[in-house]
Amino acid sequence: MRTSYAIAFAAFIAAAPAMGQVIIQAPDSDAARHQHRAQQDRWDARQERREAERRAAIGDYHGAAEAEREAHRDWRDARRQEERARDESGSSIIIGR
């Protein structure tokens, strides 16, 4: 009986260093949401850019300038969403390395 306890204890001691390496990773649903929003903002920026070109071609320079500003805002929003996705995708904890 004592021998089986000694063997079990020795096996536990031998496996203890391997159990010390724990990796916990949180789900990154926010990162996916931010990435999706960034794609939508890029699409909106492309549409606004096309609208600006169309308006400039027909001589509506004021409308073209406004569409260009909107496109710039959409590109900036897309970059912000990508940064948020990048920040939130690295949410993992590593213990015992």
PDB file of N, CA and C in Angstrom:
ATOM      1  N   MET A   1       0.822  -1.180   0.000  1.00  0.00           N
ATOM      2  CA  MET A   1       0.000   0.000   0.000  1.00  0.00           C
ATOM      3  C   MET A   1       0.872   1.253   0.000  1.00  0.00           C
ATOM      4  N   ARG A   2       1.879   1.251   0.886  1.00  0.00           N
ATOM      5  CA  ARG A   2       2.772   2.404   0.926  1.00  0.00           C
ATOM      6  C   ARG A   2       3.540   2.550  -0.378  1.00  0.00           C
ATOM      7  N   THR A   3       3.818   1.449  -0.998  1.00  0.00           N
ATOM      8  CA  THR A   3       4.559   1.480  -2.252  1.00  0.00           C
ATOM      9  C   THR A   3       3.730   2.170  -3.339  1.00  0.00           C
ATOM     10  N   SER A   4       2.442   1.892  -3.412  1.00  0.00           N
ATOM     11  CA  SER A   4       1.590   2.520  -4.432  1.00  0.00           C
ATOM     12  C   SER A   4       1.469   4.023  -4.185  1.00  0.00           C
ATOM     13  N   TYR A   5       1.390   4.429  -2.891  1.00  0.00           N
ATOM     14  CA  TYR A   5       1.376   5.866  -2.598  1.00  0.00           C
ATOM     15  C   TYR A   5       2.683   6.523  -3.007  1.00  0.00           C
ATOM     16  N   ALA A   6       3.770   5.846  -2.771  1.00  0.00           N
ATOM     17  CA  ALA A   6       5.088   6.389  -3.120  1.00  0.00           C
ATOM     18  C   ALA A   6       5.223   6.522  -4.637  1.00  0.00           C
ATOM     19  N   ILE A   7       4.721   5.552  -5.379  1.00  0.00           N
ATOM     20  CA  ILE A   7       4.789   5.608  -6.839  1.00  0.00           C
ATOM     21  C   ILE A   7       3.892   6.734  -7.361  1.00  0.00           C
ATOM     22  N   ALA A   8       2.684   6.865  -6.785  1.00  0.00           N
ATOM     23  CA  ALA A   8       1.769   7.928  -7.207  1.00  0.00           C
ATOM     24  C   ALA A   8       2.363   9.298  -6.896  1.00  0.00           C
ATOM     25  N   PHE A   9       2.967   9.431  -5.717  1.00  0.00           N
ATOM     26  CA  PHE A   9       3.584  10.698  -5.344  1.00  0.00           C
ATOM     27  C   PHE A   9       4.765  11.026  -6.264  1.00  0.00           C
ATOM     28  N   ALA A  10       5.566  10.029  -6.602  1.00  0.00           N
ATOM     29  CA  ALA A  10       6.701  10.237  -7.511  1.00  0.00           C
ATOM     30  C   ALA A  10       6.208  10.640  -8.904  1.00  0.00           C
ATOM     31  N   ALA A  11       5.120  10.046  -9.365  1.00  0.00           N
ATOM     32  CA  ALA A  11       4.566  10.396 -10.676  1.00  0.00           C
ATOM     33  C   ALA A  11       4.027  11.830 -10.655  1.00  0.00           C
ATOM     34  N   PHE A  12       3.397  12.199  -9.535  1.00  0.00           N
ATOM     35  CA  PHE A  12       2.878  13.564  -9.413  1.00  0.00           C
ATOM     36  C   PHE A  12       4.023  14.575  -9.421  1.00  0.00           C
ATOM     37  N   ILE A  13       5.083  14.289  -8.696  1.00  0.00           N
ATOM     38  CA  ILE A  13       6.248  15.187  -8.650  1.00  0.00           C
ATOM     39  C   ILE A  13       6.903  15.288 -10.034  1.00  0.00           C
ATOM     40  N   ALA A  14       6.965  14.195 -10.759  1.00  0.00           N
ATOM     41  CA  ALA A  14       7.570  14.192 -12.096  1.00  0.00           C
ATOM     42  C   ALA A  14       6.723  15.001 -13.077  1.00  0.00           C
ATOM     43  N   ALA A  15       5.389  14.979 -12.924  1.00  0.00           N
ATOM     44  CA  ALA A  15       4.500  15.682 -13.857  1.00  0.00           C
ATOM     45  C   ALA A  15       4.265  17.134 -13.448  1.00  0.00           C
ATOM     46  N   ALA A  16       4.614  17.528 -12.247  1.00  0.00           N
ATOM     47  CA  ALA A  16       4.347  18.878 -11.755  1.00  0.00           C
ATOM     48  C   ALA A  16       4.960  19.983 -12.623  1.00  0.00           C
ATOM     49  N   PRO A  17       6.201  19.870 -13.095  1.00  0.00           N
ATOM     50  CA  PRO A  17       6.722  20.949 -13.944  1.00  0.00           C
ATOM     51  C   PRO A  17       5.928  21.127 -15.240  1.00  0.00           C
ATOM     52  N   ALA A  18       5.427  20.051 -15.793  1.00  0.00           N
ATOM     53  CA  ALA A  18       4.642  20.162 -17.028  1.00  0.00           C
ATOM     54  C   ALA A  18       3.295  20.825 -16.758  1.00  0.00           C
ATOM     55  N   MET A  19       2.736  20.614 -15.588  1.00  0.00           N
ATOM     56  CA  MET A  19       1.454  21.226 -15.262  1.00  0.00           C
ATOM     57  C   MET A  19       1.602  22.709 -14.960  1.00  0.00           C
ATOM     58  N   GLY A  20       2.793  23.167 -14.697  1.00  0.00           N
ATOM     59  CA  GLY A  20       3.021  24.567 -14.394  1.00  0.00           C
ATOM     60  C   GLY A  20       2.934  25.469 -15.604  1.00  0.00           C
ATOM     61  N   GLN A  21       2.996  24.917 -16.785  1.00  0.00           N
ATOM     62  CA  GLN A  21       2.916  25.718 -18.010  1.00  0.00           C
ATOM     63  C   GLN A  21       1.470  25.765 -18.486  1.00  0.00           C
ATOM     64  N   VAL A  22       0.783  26.807 -18.075  1.00  0.00           N
ATOM     65  CA  VAL A  22      -0.633  26.968 -18.388  1.00  0.00           C
ATOM     66  C   VAL A  22      -0.788  28.159 -19.314  1.00  0.00           C
ATOM     67  N   ILE A  23      -1.553  27.984 -20.362  1.00  0.00           N
ATOM     68  CA  ILE A  23      -1.845  29.073 -21.288  1.00  0.00           C
ATOM     69  C   ILE A  23      -3.352  29.269 -21.309  1.00  0.00           C
ATOM     70  N   ILE A  24      -3.769  30.486 -20.980  1.00  0.00           N
ATOM     71  CA  ILE A  24      -5.192  30.818 -20.981  1.00  0.00           C
ATOM     72  C   ILE A  24      -5.402  31.855 -22.071  1.00  0.00           C
ATOM     73  N   GLN A  25      -6.338  31.600 -22.943  1.00  0.00           N
ATOM     74  CA  GLN A  25      -6.603  32.526 -24.039  1.00  0.00           C
ATOM     75  C   GLN A  25      -8.081  32.873 -24.040  1.00  0.00           C
ATOM     76  N   ALA A  26      -8.368  34.164 -23.978  1.00  0.00           N
ATOM     77  CA  ALA A  26      -9.750  34.626 -23.964  1.00  0.00           C
ATOM     78  C   ALA A  26     -10.289  34.670 -25.389  1.00  0.00           C
ATOM     79  N   PRO A  27     -11.578  34.455 -25.562  1.00  0.00           N
ATOM     80  CA  PRO A  27     -12.154  34.579 -26.905  1.00  0.00           C
ATOM     81  C   PRO A  27     -12.059  36.019 -27.387  1.00  0.00           C
ATOM     82  N   ASP A  28     -11.819  36.196 -28.659  1.00  0.00           N
ATOM     83  CA  ASP A  28     -11.603  37.541 -29.209  1.00  0.00           C
ATOM     84  C   ASP A  28     -12.769  37.980 -30.097  1.00  0.00           C
ATOM     85  N   SER A  29     -13.978  37.885 -29.551  1.00  0.00           N
ATOM     86  CA  SER A  29     -15.141  38.283 -30.343  1.00  0.00           C
ATOM     87  C   SER A  29     -15.120  39.779 -30.623  1.00  0.00           C
ATOM     88  N   ASP A  30     -14.561  40.568 -29.697  1.00  0.00           N
ATOM     89  CA  ASP A  30     -14.459  42.006 -29.942  1.00  0.00           C
ATOM     90  C   ASP A  30     -13.496  42.295 -31.082  1.00  0.00           C
ATOM     91  N   ALA A  31     -12.415  41.536 -31.164  1.00  0.00           N
ATOM     92  CA  ALA A  31     -11.454  41.742 -32.246  1.00  0.00           C
ATOM     93  C   ALA A  31     -12.110  41.454 -33.599  1.00  0.00           C
ATOM     94  N   ALA A  32     -12.893  40.404 -33.658  1.00  0.00           N
ATOM     95  CA  ALA A  32     -13.589  40.077 -34.914  1.00  0.00           C
ATOM     96  C   ALA A  32     -14.590  41.163 -35.275  1.00  0.00           C
ATOM     97  N   ARG A  33     -15.267  41.699 -34.266  1.00  0.00           N
ATOM     98  CA  ARG A  33     -16.234  42.769 -34.511  1.00  0.00           C
ATOM     99  C   ARG A  33     -15.528  44.026 -35.025  1.00  0.00           C
ATOM    100  N   HIS A  34     -14.390  44.362 -34.426  1.00  0.00           N
ATOM    101  CA  HIS A  34     -13.643  45.533 -34.878  1.00  0.00           C
ATOM    102  C   HIS A  34     -13.096  45.337 -36.290  1.00  0.00           C
ATOM    103  N   GLN A  35     -12.648  44.126 -36.592  1.00  0.00           N
ATOM    104  CA  GLN A  35     -12.137  43.846 -37.936  1.00  0.00           C
ATOM    105  C   GLN A  35     -13.250  43.968 -38.971  1.00  0.00           C
ATOM    106  N   HIS A  36     -14.416  43.479 -38.633  1.00  0.00           N
ATOM    107  CA  HIS A  36     -15.565  43.594 -39.548  1.00  0.00           C
ATOM    108  C   HIS A  36     -15.917  45.064 -39.767  1.00  0.00           C
ATOM    109  N   ARG A  37     -15.902  45.842 -38.703  1.00  0.00           N
ATOM    110  CA  ARG A  37     -16.211  47.271 -38.816  1.00  0.00           C
ATOM    111  C   ARG A  37     -15.163  47.988 -39.668  1.00  0.00           C
ATOM    112  N   ALA A  38     -13.898  47.585 -39.540  1.00  0.00           N
ATOM    113  CA  ALA A  38     -12.832  48.186 -40.348  1.00  0.00           C
ATOM    114  C   ALA A  38     -13.066  47.897 -41.829  1.00  0.00           C
ATOM    115  N   GLN A  39     -13.485  46.680 -42.145  1.00  0.00           N
ATOM    116  CA  GLN A  39     -13.776  46.347 -43.542  1.00  0.00           C
ATOM    117  C   GLN A  39     -14.926  47.188 -44.071  1.00  0.00           C
ATOM    118  N   GLN A  40     -15.944  47.382 -43.248  1.00  0.00           N
ATOM    119  CA  GLN A  40     -17.079  48.203 -43.667  1.00  0.00           C
ATOM    120  C   GLN A  40     -16.647  49.651 -43.880  1.00  0.00           C
ATOM    121  N   ASP A  41     -15.797  50.178 -43.003  1.00  0.00           N
ATOM    122  CA  ASP A  41     -15.310  51.552 -43.156  1.00  0.00           C
ATOM    123  C   ASP A  41     -14.465  51.711 -44.422  1.00  0.00           C
ATOM    124  N   ARG A  42     -13.647  50.707 -44.738  1.00  0.00           N
ATOM    125  CA  ARG A  42     -12.855  50.764 -45.978  1.00  0.00           C
ATOM    126  C   ARG A  42     -13.773  50.763 -47.200  1.00  0.00           C
ATOM    127  N   TRP A  43     -14.823  49.940 -47.159  1.00  0.00           N
ATOM    128  CA  TRP A  43     -15.778  49.903 -48.266  1.00  0.00           C
ATOM    129  C   TRP A  43     -16.448  51.266 -48.425  1.00  0.00           C
ATOM    130  N   ASP A  44     -16.867  51.853 -47.310  1.00  0.00           N
ATOM    131  CA  ASP A  44     -17.490  53.178 -47.362  1.00  0.00           C
ATOM    132  C   ASP A  44     -16.528  54.223 -47.928  1.00  0.00           C
ATOM    133  N   ALA A  45     -15.267  54.128 -47.555  1.00  0.00           N
ATOM    134  CA  ALA A  45     -14.265  55.081 -48.049  1.00  0.00           C
ATOM    135  C   ALA A  45     -14.105  54.952 -49.562  1.00  0.00           C
ATOM    136  N   ARG A  46     -14.083  53.726 -50.055  1.00  0.00           N
ATOM    137  CA  ARG A  46     -13.972  53.531 -51.512  1.00  0.00           C
ATOM    138  C   ARG A  46     -15.183  54.126 -52.236  1.00  0.00           C
ATOM    139  N   GLN A  47     -16.363  53.905 -51.666  1.00  0.00           N
ATOM    140  CA  GLN A  47     -17.577  54.453 -52.273  1.00  0.00           C
ATOM    141  C   GLN A  47     -17.543  55.984 -52.278  1.00  0.00           C
ATOM    142  N   GLU A  48     -17.121  56.575 -51.177  1.00  0.00           N
ATOM    143  CA  GLU A  48     -17.034  58.040 -51.103  1.00  0.00           C
ATOM    144  C   GLU A  48     -15.990  58.582 -52.078  1.00  0.00           C
ATOM    145  N   ARG A  49     -14.908  57.850 -52.243  1.00  0.00           N
ATOM    146  CA  ARG A  49     -13.860  58.276 -53.184  1.00  0.00           C
ATOM    147  C   ARG A  49     -14.402  58.259 -54.620  1.00  0.00           C
ATOM    148  N   ARG A  50     -15.145  57.210 -54.965  1.00  0.00           N
ATOM    149  CA  ARG A  50     -15.750  57.147 -56.302  1.00  0.00           C
ATOM    150  C   ARG A  50     -16.753  58.286 -56.502  1.00  0.00           C
ATOM    151  N   GLU A  51     -17.507  58.579 -55.444  1.00  0.00           N
ATOM    152  CA  GLU A  51     -18.465  59.669 -55.515  1.00  0.00           C
ATOM    153  C   GLU A  51     -17.755  61.004 -55.726  1.00  0.00           C
ATOM    154  N   ALA A  52     -16.632  61.202 -55.053  1.00  0.00           N
ATOM    155  CA  ALA A  52     -15.862  62.437 -55.222  1.00  0.00           C
ATOM    156  C   ALA A  52     -15.356  62.565 -56.656  1.00  0.00           C
ATOM    157  N   GLU A  53     -14.855  61.479 -57.213  1.00  0.00           N
ATOM    158  CA  GLU A  53     -14.370  61.509 -58.600  1.00  0.00           C
ATOM    159  C   GLU A  53     -15.508  61.804 -59.576  1.00  0.00           C
ATOM    160  N   ARG A  54     -16.665  61.204 -59.307  1.00  0.00           N
ATOM    161  CA  ARG A  54     -17.818  61.431 -60.183  1.00  0.00           C
ATOM    162  C   ARG A  54     -18.267  62.897 -60.130  1.00  0.00           C
ATOM    163  N   ARG A  55     -18.327  63.433 -58.931  1.00  0.00           N
ATOM    164  CA  ARG A  55     -18.753  64.826 -58.796  1.00  0.00           C
ATOM    165  C   ARG A  55     -17.750  65.788 -59.413  1.00  0.00           C
ATOM    166  N   ALA A  56     -16.464  65.494 -59.265  1.00  0.00           N
ATOM    167  CA  ALA A  56     -15.446  66.361 -59.859  1.00  0.00           C
ATOM    168  C   ALA A  56     -15.525  66.312 -61.382  1.00  0.00           C
ATOM    169  N   ALA A  57     -15.858  65.152 -61.925  1.00  0.00           N
ATOM    170  CA  ALA A  57     -15.943  65.007 -63.377  1.00  0.00           C
ATOM    171  C   ALA A  57     -17.077  65.846 -63.973  1.00  0.00           C
ATOM    172  N   ILE A  58     -18.150  66.045 -63.203  1.00  0.00           N
ATOM    173  CA  ILE A  58     -19.261  66.837 -63.737  1.00  0.00           C
ATOM    174  C   ILE A  58     -19.171  68.302 -63.301  1.00  0.00           C
ATOM    175  N   GLY A  59     -18.122  68.659 -62.581  1.00  0.00           N
ATOM    176  CA  GLY A  59     -17.912  70.057 -62.222  1.00  0.00           C
ATOM    177  C   GLY A  59     -18.426  70.467 -60.852  1.00  0.00           C
ATOM    178  N   ASP A  60     -18.941  69.542 -60.068  1.00  0.00           N
ATOM    179  CA  ASP A  60     -19.420  69.852 -58.710  1.00  0.00           C
ATOM    180  C   ASP A  60     -18.248  69.717 -57.739  1.00  0.00           C
ATOM    181  N   TYR A  61     -17.413  70.742 -57.707  1.00  0.00           N
ATOM    182  CA  TYR A  61     -16.192  70.662 -56.913  1.00  0.00           C
ATOM    183  C   TYR A  61     -16.463  70.757 -55.421  1.00  0.00           C
ATOM    184  N   HIS A  62     -17.489  71.491 -55.035  1.00  0.00           N
ATOM    185  CA  HIS A  62     -17.839  71.563 -53.617  1.00  0.00           C
ATOM    186  C   HIS A  62     -18.307  70.185 -53.125  1.00  0.00           C
ATOM    187  N   GLY A  63     -19.175  69.540 -53.886  1.00  0.00           N
ATOM    188  CA  GLY A  63     -19.641  68.193 -53.545  1.00  0.00           C
ATOM    189  C   GLY A  63     -18.511  67.184 -53.561  1.00  0.00           C
ATOM    190  N   ALA A  64     -17.574  67.353 -54.500  1.00  0.00           N
ATOM    191  CA  ALA A  64     -16.428  66.445 -54.577  1.00  0.00           C
ATOM    192  C   ALA A  64     -15.552  66.592 -53.340  1.00  0.00           C
ATOM    193  N   ALA A  65     -15.352  67.843 -52.891  1.00  0.00           N
ATOM    194  CA  ALA A  65     -14.540  68.074 -51.696  1.00  0.00           C
ATOM    195  C   ALA A  65     -15.194  67.453 -50.470  1.00  0.00           C
ATOM    196  N   GLU A  66     -16.511  67.567 -50.372  1.00  0.00           N
ATOM    197  CA  GLU A  66     -17.227  66.975 -49.241  1.00  0.00           C
ATOM    198  C   GLU A  66     -17.122  65.450 -49.264  1.00  0.00           C
ATOM    199  N   ALA A  67     -17.282  64.852 -50.426  1.00  0.00           N
ATOM    200  CA  ALA A  67     -17.154  63.396 -50.546  1.00  0.00           C
ATOM    201  C   ALA A  67     -15.731  62.953 -50.232  1.00  0.00           C
ATOM    202  N   GLU A  68     -14.753  63.739 -50.619  1.00  0.00           N
ATOM    203  CA  GLU A  68     -13.355  63.413 -50.310  1.00  0.00           C
ATOM    204  C   GLU A  68     -13.107  63.468 -48.797  1.00  0.00           C
ATOM    205  N   ARG A  69     -13.702  64.453 -48.117  1.00  0.00           N
ATOM    206  CA  ARG A  69     -13.567  64.527 -46.655  1.00  0.00           C
ATOM    207  C   ARG A  69     -14.215  63.314 -45.991  1.00  0.00           C
ATOM    208  N   GLU A  70     -15.360  62.912 -46.486  1.00  0.00           N
ATOM    209  CA  GLU A  70     -16.022  61.720 -45.949  1.00  0.00           C
ATOM    210  C   GLU A  70     -15.165  60.467 -46.156  1.00  0.00           C
ATOM    211  N   ALA A  71     -14.563  60.364 -47.326  1.00  0.00           N
ATOM    212  CA  ALA A  71     -13.691  59.216 -47.598  1.00  0.00           C
ATOM    213  C   ALA A  71     -12.514  59.207 -46.632  1.00  0.00           C
ATOM    214  N   HIS A  72     -11.952  60.367 -46.380  1.00  0.00           N
ATOM    215  CA  HIS A  72     -10.826  60.467 -45.445  1.00  0.00           C
ATOM    216  C   HIS A  72     -11.251  60.047 -44.034  1.00  0.00           C
ATOM    217  N   ARG A  73     -12.439  60.479 -43.612  1.00  0.00           N
ATOM    218  CA  ARG A  73     -12.948  60.083 -42.288  1.00  0.00           C
ATOM    219  C   ARG A  73     -13.148  58.575 -42.208  1.00  0.00           C
ATOM    220  N   ASP A  74     -13.670  57.990 -43.274  1.00  0.00           N
ATOM    221  CA  ASP A  74     -13.884  56.543 -43.273  1.00  0.00           C
ATOM    222  C   ASP A  74     -12.565  55.778 -43.207  1.00  0.00           C
ATOM    223  N   TRP A  75     -11.545  56.232 -43.936  1.00  0.00           N
ATOM    224  CA  TRP A  75     -10.232  55.580 -43.864  1.00  0.00           C
ATOM    225  C   TRP A  75      -9.651  55.684 -42.462  1.00  0.00           C
ATOM    226  N   ARG A  76      -9.812  56.865 -41.838  1.00  0.00           N
ATOM    227  CA  ARG A  76      -9.309  57.056 -40.478  1.00  0.00           C
ATOM    228  C   ARG A  76     -10.050  56.135 -39.509  1.00  0.00           C
ATOM    229  N   ASP A  77     -11.357  56.013 -39.649  1.00  0.00           N
ATOM    230  CA  ASP A  77     -12.137  55.118 -38.802  1.00  0.00           C
ATOM    231  C   ASP A  77     -11.719  53.664 -39.001  1.00  0.00           C
ATOM    232  N   ALA A  78     -11.431  53.300 -40.231  1.00  0.00           N
ATOM    233  CA  ALA A  78     -10.980  51.930 -40.510  1.00  0.00           C
ATOM    234  C   ALA A  78      -9.660  51.649 -39.803  1.00  0.00           C
ATOM    235  N   ARG A  79      -8.740  52.595 -39.851  1.00  0.00           N
ATOM    236  CA  ARG A  79      -7.459  52.400 -39.161  1.00  0.00           C
ATOM    237  C   ARG A  79      -7.655  52.264 -37.658  1.00  0.00           C
ATOM    238  N   ARG A  80      -8.551  53.054 -37.092  1.00  0.00           N
ATOM    239  CA  ARG A  80      -8.828  52.958 -35.650  1.00  0.00           C
ATOM    240  C   ARG A  80      -9.409  51.595 -35.291  1.00  0.00           C
ATOM    241  N   GLN A  81     -10.332  51.101 -36.097  1.00  0.00           N
ATOM    242  CA  GLN A  81     -10.924  49.797 -35.831  1.00  0.00           C
ATOM    243  C   GLN A  81      -9.887  48.683 -35.952  1.00  0.00           C
ATOM    244  N   GLU A  82      -8.975  48.793 -36.917  1.00  0.00           N
ATOM    245  CA  GLU A  82      -7.915  47.795 -37.044  1.00  0.00           C
ATOM    246  C   GLU A  82      -7.004  47.813 -35.828  1.00  0.00           C
ATOM    247  N   GLU A  83      -6.691  49.000 -35.319  1.00  0.00           N
ATOM    248  CA  GLU A  83      -5.860  49.090 -34.121  1.00  0.00           C
ATOM    249  C   GLU A  83      -6.572  48.465 -32.919  1.00  0.00           C
ATOM    250  N   ARG A  84      -7.864  48.713 -32.786  1.00  0.00           N
ATOM    251  CA  ARG A  84      -8.627  48.106 -31.693  1.00  0.00           C
ATOM    252  C   ARG A  84      -8.647  46.594 -31.824  1.00  0.00           C
ATOM    253  N   ALA A  85      -8.820  46.092 -33.039  1.00  0.00           N
ATOM    254  CA  ALA A  85      -8.820  44.640 -33.252  1.00  0.00           C
ATOM    255  C   ALA A  85      -7.471  44.051 -32.901  1.00  0.00           C
ATOM    256  N   ARG A  86      -6.395  44.732 -33.289  1.00  0.00           N
ATOM    257  CA  ARG A  86      -5.049  44.258 -32.981  1.00  0.00           C
ATOM    258  C   ARG A  86      -4.808  44.278 -31.473  1.00  0.00           C
ATOM    259  N   ASP A  87      -5.266  45.311 -30.787  1.00  0.00           N
ATOM    260  CA  ASP A  87      -5.085  45.399 -29.341  1.00  0.00           C
ATOM    261  C   ASP A  87      -5.866  44.324 -28.601  1.00  0.00           C
ATOM    262  N   GLU A  88      -7.077  44.044 -29.053  1.00  0.00           N
ATOM    263  CA  GLU A  88      -7.918  43.088 -28.352  1.00  0.00           C
ATOM    264  C   GLU A  88      -7.648  41.626 -28.739  1.00  0.00           C
ATOM    265  N   SER A  89      -6.948  41.396 -29.827  1.00  0.00           N
ATOM    266  CA  SER A  89      -6.674  40.012 -30.217  1.00  0.00           C
ATOM    267  C   SER A  89      -5.541  39.416 -29.397  1.00  0.00           C
ATOM    268  N   GLY A  90      -4.735  40.232 -28.760  1.00  0.00           N
ATOM    269  CA  GLY A  90      -3.619  39.735 -27.957  1.00  0.00           C
ATOM    270  C   GLY A  90      -3.965  39.531 -26.502  1.00  0.00           C
ATOM    271  N   SER A  91      -5.182  39.084 -26.197  1.00  0.00           N
ATOM    272  CA  SER A  91      -5.594  38.919 -24.810  1.00  0.00           C
ATOM    273  C   SER A  91      -5.373  37.475 -24.362  1.00  0.00           C
ATOM    274  N   SER A  92      -4.140  37.119 -24.095  1.00  0.00           N
ATOM    275  CA  SER A  92      -3.843  35.786 -23.592  1.00  0.00           C
ATOM    276  C   SER A  92      -2.929  35.892 -22.390  1.00  0.00           C
ATOM    277  N   ILE A  93      -2.992  34.901 -21.515  1.00  0.00           N
ATOM    278  CA  ILE A  93      -2.164  34.859 -20.317  1.00  0.00           C
ATOM    279  C   ILE A  93      -1.312  33.610 -20.390  1.00  0.00           C
ATOM    280  N   ILE A  94      -0.017  33.766 -20.207  1.00  0.00           N
ATOM    281  CA  ILE A  94       0.894  32.627 -20.231  1.00  0.00           C
ATOM    282  C   ILE A  94       1.545  32.555 -18.858  1.00  0.00           C
ATOM    283  N   ILE A  95       1.411  31.412 -18.214  1.00  0.00           N
ATOM    284  CA  ILE A  95       1.963  31.208 -16.876  1.00  0.00           C
ATOM    285  C   ILE A  95       2.983  30.084 -16.920  1.00  0.00           C
ATOM    286  N   GLY A  96       4.119  30.303 -16.290  1.00  0.00           N
ATOM    287  CA  GLY A  96       5.098  29.237 -16.123  1.00  0.00           C
ATOM    288  C   GLY A  96       6.007  28.979 -17.293  1.00  0.00           C
ATOM    289  N   ARG A  97       6.276  29.957 -18.107  1.00  0.00           N
ATOM    290  CA  ARG A  97       7.184  29.751 -19.230  1.00  0.00           C
ATOM    291  C   ARG A  97       8.555  30.162 -18.879  1.00  0.00           C
TER     292      ARG A  97
END
